[in-house]
Amino acid sequence: MRCSSMVHKGRQTERQRAAEVANEFVEEGLLPDDIEDDVISRLNREEPIRALETIIQHRKGRV
């Protein structure tokens, strides 16, 4: 396997895992409505890493 295809596969896996985690937060109702709307919007635009970053920023603000 070429290095570039391994990197692509790693990024694809990273995006899939980010989407799974973000979806879990949404499904469990762990976010306020405005944050949830932003996360869902990012997931719909196929931006799972940005969706997860939004969740992390929100959670950091709560600590």
C-alpha atoms as a PDB file:
ATOM      1  CA  MET A   1       0.000   0.000   0.000  1.00  0.00           C
ATOM      2  CA  ARG A   2       1.348   3.402  -0.956  1.00  0.00           C
ATOM      3  CA  CYS A   3       1.963   5.985   1.729  1.00  0.00           C
ATOM      4  CA  SER A   4      -0.589   8.453   0.301  1.00  0.00           C
ATOM      5  CA  SER A   5      -3.330   5.819   0.285  1.00  0.00           C
ATOM      6  CA  MET A   6      -2.478   4.897   3.887  1.00  0.00           C
ATOM      7  CA  VAL A   7      -2.781   8.553   4.885  1.00  0.00           C
ATOM      8  CA  HIS A   8      -6.117   8.807   3.057  1.00  0.00           C
ATOM      9  CA  LYS A   9      -7.374   5.689   4.833  1.00  0.00           C
ATOM     10  CA  GLY A  10      -6.261   7.111   8.196  1.00  0.00           C
ATOM     11  CA  ARG A  11      -8.062  10.395   7.567  1.00  0.00           C
ATOM     12  CA  GLN A  12     -11.172   8.555   6.430  1.00  0.00           C
ATOM     13  CA  THR A  13     -11.129   6.477   9.623  1.00  0.00           C
ATOM     14  CA  GLU A  14     -10.604   9.641  11.684  1.00  0.00           C
ATOM     15  CA  ARG A  15     -13.615  11.317  10.043  1.00  0.00           C
ATOM     16  CA  GLN A  16     -15.780   8.228  10.542  1.00  0.00           C
ATOM     17  CA  ARG A  17     -14.901   8.013  14.227  1.00  0.00           C
ATOM     18  CA  ALA A  18     -15.519  11.746  14.720  1.00  0.00           C
ATOM     19  CA  ALA A  19     -18.957  11.348  13.109  1.00  0.00           C
ATOM     20  CA  GLU A  20     -19.760   8.383  15.360  1.00  0.00           C
ATOM     21  CA  VAL A  21     -18.826  10.292  18.515  1.00  0.00           C
ATOM     22  CA  ALA A  22     -20.675  13.452  17.444  1.00  0.00           C
ATOM     23  CA  ASN A  23     -23.781  11.435  16.568  1.00  0.00           C
ATOM     24  CA  GLU A  24     -23.662   9.761  19.965  1.00  0.00           C
ATOM     25  CA  PHE A  25     -23.715  13.147  21.720  1.00  0.00           C
ATOM     26  CA  VAL A  26     -26.727  14.169  19.612  1.00  0.00           C
ATOM     27  CA  GLU A  27     -28.599  10.882  20.102  1.00  0.00           C
ATOM     28  CA  GLU A  28     -28.058  10.943  23.871  1.00  0.00           C
ATOM     29  CA  GLY A  29     -29.295  14.540  24.138  1.00  0.00           C
ATOM     30  CA  LEU A  30     -26.079  15.712  25.796  1.00  0.00           C
ATOM     31  CA  LEU A  31     -25.968  19.112  24.109  1.00  0.00           C
ATOM     32  CA  PRO A  32     -28.028  22.291  24.383  1.00  0.00           C
ATOM     33  CA  ASP A  33     -30.288  22.874  21.384  1.00  0.00           C
ATOM     34  CA  ASP A  34     -28.150  25.578  19.770  1.00  0.00           C
ATOM     35  CA  ILE A  35     -24.969  23.500  19.983  1.00  0.00           C
ATOM     36  CA  GLU A  36     -26.826  20.398  18.794  1.00  0.00           C
ATOM     37  CA  ASP A  37     -28.141  22.333  15.780  1.00  0.00           C
ATOM     38  CA  ASP A  38     -24.606  23.461  14.923  1.00  0.00           C
ATOM     39  CA  VAL A  39     -23.251  19.911  15.278  1.00  0.00           C
ATOM     40  CA  ILE A  40     -26.025  18.454  13.105  1.00  0.00           C
ATOM     41  CA  SER A  41     -25.433  21.143  10.494  1.00  0.00           C
ATOM     42  CA  ARG A  42     -21.722  20.302  10.375  1.00  0.00           C
ATOM     43  CA  LEU A  43     -22.462  16.588  10.121  1.00  0.00           C
ATOM     44  CA  ASN A  44     -24.894  17.237   7.262  1.00  0.00           C
ATOM     45  CA  ARG A  45     -22.161  19.195   5.464  1.00  0.00           C
ATOM     46  CA  GLU A  46     -19.850  16.219   5.970  1.00  0.00           C
ATOM     47  CA  GLU A  47     -17.634  18.086   8.443  1.00  0.00           C
ATOM     48  CA  PRO A  48     -17.465  15.526  11.272  1.00  0.00           C
ATOM     49  CA  ILE A  49     -14.174  16.771  12.683  1.00  0.00           C
ATOM     50  CA  ARG A  50     -15.525  20.339  12.915  1.00  0.00           C
ATOM     51  CA  ALA A  51     -18.672  18.911  14.544  1.00  0.00           C
ATOM     52  CA  LEU A  52     -16.555  17.168  17.161  1.00  0.00           C
ATOM     53  CA  GLU A  53     -14.467  20.320  17.690  1.00  0.00           C
ATOM     54  CA  THR A  54     -17.716  22.214  18.357  1.00  0.00           C
ATOM     55  CA  ILE A  55     -18.658  19.657  21.018  1.00  0.00           C
ATOM     56  CA  ILE A  56     -15.210  19.826  22.615  1.00  0.00           C
ATOM     57  CA  GLN A  57     -15.271  23.634  22.724  1.00  0.00           C
ATOM     58  CA  HIS A  58     -18.713  23.544  24.348  1.00  0.00           C
ATOM     59  CA  ARG A  59     -17.637  20.936  26.898  1.00  0.00           C
ATOM     60  CA  LYS A  60     -14.457  22.867  27.756  1.00  0.00           C
ATOM     61  CA  GLY A  61     -16.575  25.933  28.453  1.00  0.00           C
ATOM     62  CA  ARG A  62     -18.636  23.960  30.968  1.00  0.00           C
ATOM     63  CA  VAL A  63     -15.705  22.718  33.046  1.00  0.00           C
END
